[in-house]
Amino acid sequence: MRPYCSLQCSIAQGDISFEPHETVVSMEYLLGLVLALLGGSVKMQDYSDERKSQILDVVKSLAGGFDMDVIFTRTDGFTMTQEWLLLDCLDLNLRHGWIAARDLLTGPEVSFESLTLASNEPGFPHAEEIKNFLRGPQLTPIGLVSLQEDFVENVPCILFWNKHYHTIVMINGVLNSLVTDSNYLETRIVWQTLDGVNGDGVYLDNNFTPVYVGLDAATSVYVMWPKIN
């Protein structure tokens, strides 16, 4: 996870902002914004000094990115790692769409790590099917439906998907992902509808109006973000 990805949701929520002329920002500046948000976090203040130190250590790793351990039965399901605690302190409302069919799971709180270990045990039921699932797409048809049911209108969230973090918002019942590919920087494109598990969808402007003309050849779903210096 990159710091500018973690800040997308905070900016969308209005917690922080950039000046109109700012098109280039440094990594140090972005990390400073994260630390400032943590400084004002009530959740952070409630933790012990040891826990605070662990969370701050995760901040230091933001530039290199980090992964999450999802729970496969609910879109807000993640194990309580130090990485999750950091995002929780930032009030980023982390979600995922990696929901599994119930017959592949052993219980309601099965995580990626625990399911991986179990599937490697001799004679474990559906072991090969489970391994294929763990190697497969991190957004499933069941997960997409679950996201559509769980999201609240006009409330930005962070979607963990394929080891990336996307700012997602539901507008008029439609899920929209913030486009972050610099190829679209000079276009009117800001959002893309999340219509399927492959990430295909209609491009939208800042008013969530479809944009059908002037598109580049770029195909990535990721836009409009200050370049990292």
C-alpha atoms as a PDB file:
ATOM      1  CA  MET A   1       0.000   0.000   0.000  1.00  0.00           C
ATOM      2  CA  ARG A   2       1.405   3.388  -0.981  1.00  0.00           C
ATOM      3  CA  PRO A   3       0.803   6.465   1.214  1.00  0.00           C
ATOM      4  CA  TYR A   4      -0.877   8.368  -1.619  1.00  0.00           C
ATOM      5  CA  CYS A   5      -3.313   5.471  -1.987  1.00  0.00           C
ATOM      6  CA  SER A   6      -4.152   5.583   1.724  1.00  0.00           C
ATOM      7  CA  LEU A   7      -4.748   9.344   1.506  1.00  0.00           C
ATOM      8  CA  GLN A   8      -7.186   9.190  -1.419  1.00  0.00           C
ATOM      9  CA  CYS A   9     -10.073   8.363   0.884  1.00  0.00           C
ATOM     10  CA  SER A  10      -9.106  11.040   3.404  1.00  0.00           C
ATOM     11  CA  ILE A  11      -9.071  13.647   0.649  1.00  0.00           C
ATOM     12  CA  ALA A  12     -12.393  12.408  -0.731  1.00  0.00           C
ATOM     13  CA  GLN A  13     -13.839  12.726   2.772  1.00  0.00           C
ATOM     14  CA  GLY A  14     -12.481  16.268   3.062  1.00  0.00           C
ATOM     15  CA  ASP A  15     -10.096  15.523   5.939  1.00  0.00           C
ATOM     16  CA  ILE A  16      -7.102  16.938   4.035  1.00  0.00           C
ATOM     17  CA  SER A  17      -6.585  18.860   0.819  1.00  0.00           C
ATOM     18  CA  PHE A  18      -3.934  20.029  -1.637  1.00  0.00           C
ATOM     19  CA  GLU A  19      -3.540  23.474  -3.080  1.00  0.00           C
ATOM     20  CA  PRO A  20      -4.858  23.778  -6.680  1.00  0.00           C
ATOM     21  CA  HIS A  21      -1.352  24.366  -8.048  1.00  0.00           C
ATOM     22  CA  GLU A  22       0.190  21.307  -6.348  1.00  0.00           C
ATOM     23  CA  THR A  23       0.908  18.699  -9.016  1.00  0.00           C
ATOM     24  CA  VAL A  24       4.094  17.263  -7.475  1.00  0.00           C
ATOM     25  CA  VAL A  25       4.419  16.144  -3.858  1.00  0.00           C
ATOM     26  CA  SER A  26       7.254  14.407  -2.034  1.00  0.00           C
ATOM     27  CA  MET A  27       7.060  11.097  -0.211  1.00  0.00           C
ATOM     28  CA  GLU A  28       8.056  12.874   2.983  1.00  0.00           C
ATOM     29  CA  TYR A  29       5.147  15.276   2.592  1.00  0.00           C
ATOM     30  CA  LEU A  30       2.665  12.426   2.161  1.00  0.00           C
ATOM     31  CA  LEU A  31       4.025  10.536   5.152  1.00  0.00           C
ATOM     32  CA  GLY A  32       3.799  13.748   7.153  1.00  0.00           C
ATOM     33  CA  LEU A  33       0.087  13.946   6.324  1.00  0.00           C
ATOM     34  CA  VAL A  34      -0.383  10.380   7.582  1.00  0.00           C
ATOM     35  CA  LEU A  35       1.402  11.213  10.838  1.00  0.00           C
ATOM     36  CA  ALA A  36      -0.701  14.364  11.252  1.00  0.00           C
ATOM     37  CA  LEU A  37      -3.912  12.344  10.842  1.00  0.00           C
ATOM     38  CA  LEU A  38      -2.676   9.799  13.385  1.00  0.00           C
ATOM     39  CA  GLY A  39      -1.860  12.603  15.804  1.00  0.00           C
ATOM     40  CA  GLY A  40      -5.524  13.595  15.801  1.00  0.00           C
ATOM     41  CA  SER A  41      -6.856  10.035  15.973  1.00  0.00           C
ATOM     42  CA  VAL A  42      -8.834   9.201  19.127  1.00  0.00           C
ATOM     43  CA  LYS A  43      -8.310   5.497  18.449  1.00  0.00           C
ATOM     44  CA  MET A  44      -4.548   6.004  18.304  1.00  0.00           C
ATOM     45  CA  GLN A  45      -4.544   7.865  21.605  1.00  0.00           C
ATOM     46  CA  ASP A  46      -6.349   4.992  23.327  1.00  0.00           C
ATOM     47  CA  TYR A  47      -3.610   2.466  22.531  1.00  0.00           C
ATOM     48  CA  SER A  48      -0.648   1.641  24.737  1.00  0.00           C
ATOM     49  CA  ASP A  49       2.762   3.123  23.977  1.00  0.00           C
ATOM     50  CA  GLU A  50       3.888  -0.268  22.679  1.00  0.00           C
ATOM     51  CA  ARG A  51       0.938  -0.509  20.281  1.00  0.00           C
ATOM     52  CA  LYS A  52       1.455   3.076  19.111  1.00  0.00           C
ATOM     53  CA  SER A  53       5.084   2.258  18.341  1.00  0.00           C
ATOM     54  CA  GLN A  54       4.012  -0.768  16.286  1.00  0.00           C
ATOM     55  CA  ILE A  55       1.543   1.328  14.282  1.00  0.00           C
ATOM     56  CA  LEU A  56       4.161   4.018  13.647  1.00  0.00           C
ATOM     57  CA  ASP A  57       6.541   1.331  12.394  1.00  0.00           C
ATOM     58  CA  VAL A  58       3.920   0.448   9.764  1.00  0.00           C
ATOM     59  CA  VAL A  59       3.805   4.102   8.672  1.00  0.00           C
ATOM     60  CA  LYS A  60       7.506   3.844   7.897  1.00  0.00           C
ATOM     61  CA  SER A  61       6.780   0.926   5.556  1.00  0.00           C
ATOM     62  CA  LEU A  62       4.077   2.726   3.574  1.00  0.00           C
ATOM     63  CA  ALA A  63       6.463   3.759   0.816  1.00  0.00           C
ATOM     64  CA  GLY A  64       7.257   0.092   0.141  1.00  0.00           C
ATOM     65  CA  GLY A  65       3.685  -1.137   0.455  1.00  0.00           C
ATOM     66  CA  PHE A  66       2.068  -3.838   2.560  1.00  0.00           C
ATOM     67  CA  ASP A  67      -0.459  -6.658   2.271  1.00  0.00           C
ATOM     68  CA  MET A  68      -3.531  -7.528   4.347  1.00  0.00           C
ATOM     69  CA  ASP A  69      -4.943 -10.795   5.726  1.00  0.00           C
ATOM     70  CA  VAL A  70      -8.602 -10.890   4.667  1.00  0.00           C
ATOM     71  CA  ILE A  71     -11.456 -12.847   6.226  1.00  0.00           C
ATOM     72  CA  PHE A  72     -13.392 -14.518   3.414  1.00  0.00           C
ATOM     73  CA  THR A  73     -16.973 -14.225   4.739  1.00  0.00           C
ATOM     74  CA  ARG A  74     -17.566 -10.440   4.952  1.00  0.00           C
ATOM     75  CA  THR A  75     -16.449  -7.370   3.067  1.00  0.00           C
ATOM     76  CA  ASP A  76     -15.133  -5.672   6.218  1.00  0.00           C
ATOM     77  CA  GLY A  77     -13.333  -8.819   7.348  1.00  0.00           C
ATOM     78  CA  PHE A  78      -9.623  -8.458   8.111  1.00  0.00           C
ATOM     79  CA  THR A  79      -7.475  -9.932  10.851  1.00  0.00           C
ATOM     80  CA  MET A  80      -6.238  -7.436  13.438  1.00  0.00           C
ATOM     81  CA  THR A  81      -2.693  -6.962  12.175  1.00  0.00           C
ATOM     82  CA  GLN A  82      -0.602  -3.851  12.771  1.00  0.00           C
ATOM     83  CA  GLU A  83      -1.360  -2.819   9.189  1.00  0.00           C
ATOM     84  CA  TRP A  84      -5.104  -3.048   9.828  1.00  0.00           C
ATOM     85  CA  LEU A  85      -4.727  -1.053  13.052  1.00  0.00           C
ATOM     86  CA  LEU A  86      -3.021   1.754  11.121  1.00  0.00           C
ATOM     87  CA  LEU A  87      -5.843   1.996   8.593  1.00  0.00           C
ATOM     88  CA  ASP A  88      -8.439   1.757  11.363  1.00  0.00           C
ATOM     89  CA  CYS A  89      -6.814   4.671  13.209  1.00  0.00           C
ATOM     90  CA  LEU A  90      -7.050   6.670   9.971  1.00  0.00           C
ATOM     91  CA  ASP A  91     -10.797   5.826   9.792  1.00  0.00           C
ATOM     92  CA  LEU A  92     -10.439   4.617   6.210  1.00  0.00           C
ATOM     93  CA  ASN A  93     -13.259   2.033   6.331  1.00  0.00           C
ATOM     94  CA  LEU A  94     -11.345  -0.736   4.594  1.00  0.00           C
ATOM     95  CA  ARG A  95     -13.299  -3.252   2.483  1.00  0.00           C
ATOM     96  CA  HIS A  96     -12.624  -6.159   0.154  1.00  0.00           C
ATOM     97  CA  GLY A  97     -14.628  -8.243  -2.303  1.00  0.00           C
ATOM     98  CA  TRP A  98     -12.719 -11.509  -1.935  1.00  0.00           C
ATOM     99  CA  ILE A  99     -15.695 -13.510  -0.669  1.00  0.00           C
ATOM    100  CA  ALA A 100     -15.630 -17.298  -0.911  1.00  0.00           C
ATOM    101  CA  ALA A 101     -18.390 -19.850  -1.368  1.00  0.00           C
ATOM    102  CA  ARG A 102     -19.306 -21.244   2.052  1.00  0.00           C
ATOM    103  CA  ASP A 103     -18.490 -24.849   1.102  1.00  0.00           C
ATOM    104  CA  LEU A 104     -14.810 -23.873   0.804  1.00  0.00           C
ATOM    105  CA  LEU A 105     -14.629 -22.538   4.357  1.00  0.00           C
ATOM    106  CA  THR A 106     -14.428 -24.169   7.763  1.00  0.00           C
ATOM    107  CA  GLY A 107     -16.104 -21.378   9.725  1.00  0.00           C
ATOM    108  CA  PRO A 108     -17.259 -17.728   9.782  1.00  0.00           C
ATOM    109  CA  GLU A 109     -13.849 -16.160  10.483  1.00  0.00           C
ATOM    110  CA  VAL A 110     -11.572 -17.998   8.038  1.00  0.00           C
ATOM    111  CA  SER A 111      -8.679 -15.814   6.886  1.00  0.00           C
ATOM    112  CA  PHE A 112      -6.271 -16.103   3.962  1.00  0.00           C
ATOM    113  CA  GLU A 113      -3.487 -17.244   6.260  1.00  0.00           C
ATOM    114  CA  SER A 114      -5.548 -19.855   8.127  1.00  0.00           C
ATOM    115  CA  LEU A 115      -7.140 -21.232   4.935  1.00  0.00           C
ATOM    116  CA  THR A 116      -3.755 -21.489   3.249  1.00  0.00           C
ATOM    117  CA  LEU A 117      -2.354 -23.497   6.160  1.00  0.00           C
ATOM    118  CA  ALA A 118      -5.430 -25.747   6.313  1.00  0.00           C
ATOM    119  CA  SER A 119      -5.437 -26.496   2.573  1.00  0.00           C
ATOM    120  CA  ASN A 120      -1.863 -27.769   2.825  1.00  0.00           C
ATOM    121  CA  GLU A 121      -2.817 -30.390   5.396  1.00  0.00           C
ATOM    122  CA  PRO A 122      -3.039 -33.989   4.057  1.00  0.00           C
ATOM    123  CA  GLY A 123      -6.600 -35.015   3.252  1.00  0.00           C
ATOM    124  CA  PHE A 124      -8.111 -31.566   3.770  1.00  0.00           C
ATOM    125  CA  PRO A 125     -11.532 -31.382   1.971  1.00  0.00           C
ATOM    126  CA  HIS A 126     -11.606 -29.434  -1.321  1.00  0.00           C
ATOM    127  CA  ALA A 127      -7.866 -28.707  -0.978  1.00  0.00           C
ATOM    128  CA  GLU A 128      -7.187 -28.209  -4.696  1.00  0.00           C
ATOM    129  CA  GLU A 129     -10.312 -26.116  -5.207  1.00  0.00           C
ATOM    130  CA  ILE A 130      -9.306 -23.954  -2.252  1.00  0.00           C
ATOM    131  CA  LYS A 131      -5.771 -23.486  -3.594  1.00  0.00           C
ATOM    132  CA  ASN A 132      -7.194 -22.409  -6.964  1.00  0.00           C
ATOM    133  CA  PHE A 133      -9.426 -19.918  -5.150  1.00  0.00           C
ATOM    134  CA  LEU A 134      -6.478 -18.520  -3.177  1.00  0.00           C
ATOM    135  CA  ARG A 135      -4.497 -18.077  -6.399  1.00  0.00           C
ATOM    136  CA  GLY A 136      -7.453 -16.571  -8.255  1.00  0.00           C
ATOM    137  CA  PRO A 137      -8.957 -13.074  -8.546  1.00  0.00           C
ATOM    138  CA  GLN A 138      -9.351 -11.115  -5.314  1.00  0.00           C
ATOM    139  CA  LEU A 139     -12.786  -9.861  -6.376  1.00  0.00           C
ATOM    140  CA  THR A 140     -15.417 -12.585  -6.803  1.00  0.00           C
ATOM    141  CA  PRO A 141     -18.982 -12.361  -8.154  1.00  0.00           C
ATOM    142  CA  ILE A 142     -20.247 -13.067  -4.626  1.00  0.00           C
ATOM    143  CA  GLY A 143     -17.926 -10.362  -3.318  1.00  0.00           C
ATOM    144  CA  LEU A 144     -19.108  -7.764  -5.815  1.00  0.00           C
ATOM    145  CA  VAL A 145     -22.742  -8.378  -4.870  1.00  0.00           C
ATOM    146  CA  SER A 146     -21.798  -8.191  -1.193  1.00  0.00           C
ATOM    147  CA  LEU A 147     -20.039  -4.862  -1.729  1.00  0.00           C
ATOM    148  CA  GLN A 148     -23.093  -3.447  -3.480  1.00  0.00           C
ATOM    149  CA  GLU A 149     -25.237  -4.533  -0.533  1.00  0.00           C
ATOM    150  CA  ASP A 150     -22.838  -3.267   2.159  1.00  0.00           C
ATOM    151  CA  PHE A 151     -21.834   0.137   0.777  1.00  0.00           C
ATOM    152  CA  VAL A 152     -23.542   3.319   1.968  1.00  0.00           C
ATOM    153  CA  GLU A 153     -24.331   6.109  -0.531  1.00  0.00           C
ATOM    154  CA  ASN A 154     -21.754   8.933  -0.742  1.00  0.00           C
ATOM    155  CA  VAL A 155     -19.413   7.403   1.853  1.00  0.00           C
ATOM    156  CA  PRO A 156     -15.888   6.869   0.415  1.00  0.00           C
ATOM    157  CA  CYS A 157     -14.180   3.602   1.350  1.00  0.00           C
ATOM    158  CA  ILE A 158     -10.882   1.901   0.596  1.00  0.00           C
ATOM    159  CA  LEU A 159     -11.170  -1.337  -1.398  1.00  0.00           C
ATOM    160  CA  PHE A 160      -8.335  -3.862  -1.029  1.00  0.00           C
ATOM    161  CA  TRP A 161      -8.091  -5.653  -4.374  1.00  0.00           C
ATOM    162  CA  ASN A 162      -5.194  -7.506  -5.990  1.00  0.00           C
ATOM    163  CA  LYS A 163      -2.815  -6.112  -3.341  1.00  0.00           C
ATOM    164  CA  HIS A 164      -3.782  -2.542  -4.270  1.00  0.00           C
ATOM    165  CA  TYR A 165      -5.970  -0.040  -2.458  1.00  0.00           C
ATOM    166  CA  HIS A 166      -8.678   1.782  -4.386  1.00  0.00           C
ATOM    167  CA  THR A 167     -10.911   4.647  -3.304  1.00  0.00           C
ATOM    168  CA  ILE A 168     -14.506   3.501  -3.882  1.00  0.00           C
ATOM    169  CA  VAL A 169     -17.783   5.377  -3.498  1.00  0.00           C
ATOM    170  CA  MET A 170     -21.388   4.425  -4.249  1.00  0.00           C
ATOM    171  CA  ILE A 171     -23.415   7.027  -6.157  1.00  0.00           C
ATOM    172  CA  ASN A 172     -27.052   6.328  -7.037  1.00  0.00           C
ATOM    173  CA  GLY A 173     -26.578   2.652  -6.278  1.00  0.00           C
ATOM    174  CA  VAL A 174     -23.498   2.297  -8.514  1.00  0.00           C
ATOM    175  CA  LEU A 175     -19.999   1.519  -7.218  1.00  0.00           C
ATOM    176  CA  ASN A 176     -17.313   3.829  -8.615  1.00  0.00           C
ATOM    177  CA  SER A 177     -13.537   3.501  -8.368  1.00  0.00           C
ATOM    178  CA  LEU A 178     -11.218   6.525  -8.413  1.00  0.00           C
ATOM    179  CA  VAL A 179      -9.029   6.338 -11.523  1.00  0.00           C
ATOM    180  CA  THR A 180      -5.338   6.821 -10.710  1.00  0.00           C
ATOM    181  CA  ASP A 181      -3.563   6.156 -14.000  1.00  0.00           C
ATOM    182  CA  SER A 182      -1.504   9.199 -14.985  1.00  0.00           C
ATOM    183  CA  ASN A 183      -2.395   8.527 -18.640  1.00  0.00           C
ATOM    184  CA  TYR A 184      -5.754  10.115 -17.871  1.00  0.00           C
ATOM    185  CA  LEU A 185      -4.331  13.177 -16.132  1.00  0.00           C
ATOM    186  CA  GLU A 186      -5.141  15.494 -19.040  1.00  0.00           C
ATOM    187  CA  THR A 187      -8.654  14.133 -19.522  1.00  0.00           C
ATOM    188  CA  ARG A 188     -11.957  14.710 -17.739  1.00  0.00           C
ATOM    189  CA  ILE A 189     -11.903  11.192 -16.338  1.00  0.00           C
ATOM    190  CA  VAL A 190     -11.985  10.893 -12.544  1.00  0.00           C
ATOM    191  CA  TRP A 191     -14.023   7.754 -11.809  1.00  0.00           C
ATOM    192  CA  GLN A 192     -14.824   4.384 -13.377  1.00  0.00           C
ATOM    193  CA  THR A 193     -17.877   2.303 -12.581  1.00  0.00           C
ATOM    194  CA  LEU A 194     -17.145  -1.033 -10.945  1.00  0.00           C
ATOM    195  CA  ASP A 195     -19.517  -3.203 -12.968  1.00  0.00           C
ATOM    196  CA  GLY A 196     -17.714  -6.542 -12.961  1.00  0.00           C
ATOM    197  CA  VAL A 197     -14.947  -8.570 -11.386  1.00  0.00           C
ATOM    198  CA  ASN A 198     -12.552  -7.760 -14.251  1.00  0.00           C
ATOM    199  CA  GLY A 199     -12.553  -4.048 -13.451  1.00  0.00           C
ATOM    200  CA  ASP A 200     -14.265  -3.023 -16.689  1.00  0.00           C
ATOM    201  CA  GLY A 201     -16.694  -0.151 -16.482  1.00  0.00           C
ATOM    202  CA  VAL A 202     -17.759   3.245 -17.805  1.00  0.00           C
ATOM    203  CA  TYR A 203     -15.440   6.207 -17.287  1.00  0.00           C
ATOM    204  CA  LEU A 204     -16.956   9.191 -15.466  1.00  0.00           C
ATOM    205  CA  ASP A 205     -16.039  12.835 -14.837  1.00  0.00           C
ATOM    206  CA  ASN A 206     -16.050  14.577 -11.452  1.00  0.00           C
ATOM    207  CA  ASN A 207     -19.848  14.903 -11.635  1.00  0.00           C
ATOM    208  CA  PHE A 208     -20.187  11.137 -12.263  1.00  0.00           C
ATOM    209  CA  THR A 209     -21.299  11.816 -15.838  1.00  0.00           C
ATOM    210  CA  PRO A 210     -20.140   9.252 -18.441  1.00  0.00           C
ATOM    211  CA  VAL A 211     -17.156  10.252 -20.602  1.00  0.00           C
ATOM    212  CA  TYR A 212     -17.117   8.551 -23.991  1.00  0.00           C
ATOM    213  CA  VAL A 213     -14.812  10.794 -26.056  1.00  0.00           C
ATOM    214  CA  GLY A 214     -11.173  11.785 -25.874  1.00  0.00           C
ATOM    215  CA  LEU A 215     -10.025   8.596 -24.156  1.00  0.00           C
ATOM    216  CA  ASP A 216      -6.409   7.501 -24.433  1.00  0.00           C
ATOM    217  CA  ALA A 217      -5.341   4.019 -25.359  1.00  0.00           C
ATOM    218  CA  ALA A 218      -4.562   3.276 -21.706  1.00  0.00           C
ATOM    219  CA  THR A 219      -6.573   0.439 -20.235  1.00  0.00           C
ATOM    220  CA  SER A 220      -5.640   0.544 -16.550  1.00  0.00           C
ATOM    221  CA  VAL A 221      -8.376   1.366 -14.064  1.00  0.00           C
ATOM    222  CA  TYR A 222      -6.087   3.071 -11.710  1.00  0.00           C
ATOM    223  CA  VAL A 223      -5.744   8.783 -12.322  1.00  0.00           C
ATOM    224  CA  MET A 224      -5.587  12.010 -11.170  1.00  0.00           C
ATOM    225  CA  TRP A 225      -3.064  12.098  -8.397  1.00  0.00           C
ATOM    226  CA  PRO A 226      -0.060  14.323  -7.644  1.00  0.00           C
ATOM    227  CA  LYS A 227       3.127  12.850  -9.032  1.00  0.00           C
ATOM    228  CA  ILE A 228       5.570  11.545  -6.436  1.00  0.00           C
ATOM    229  CA  ASN A 229       8.847  13.423  -6.508  1.00  0.00           C
END
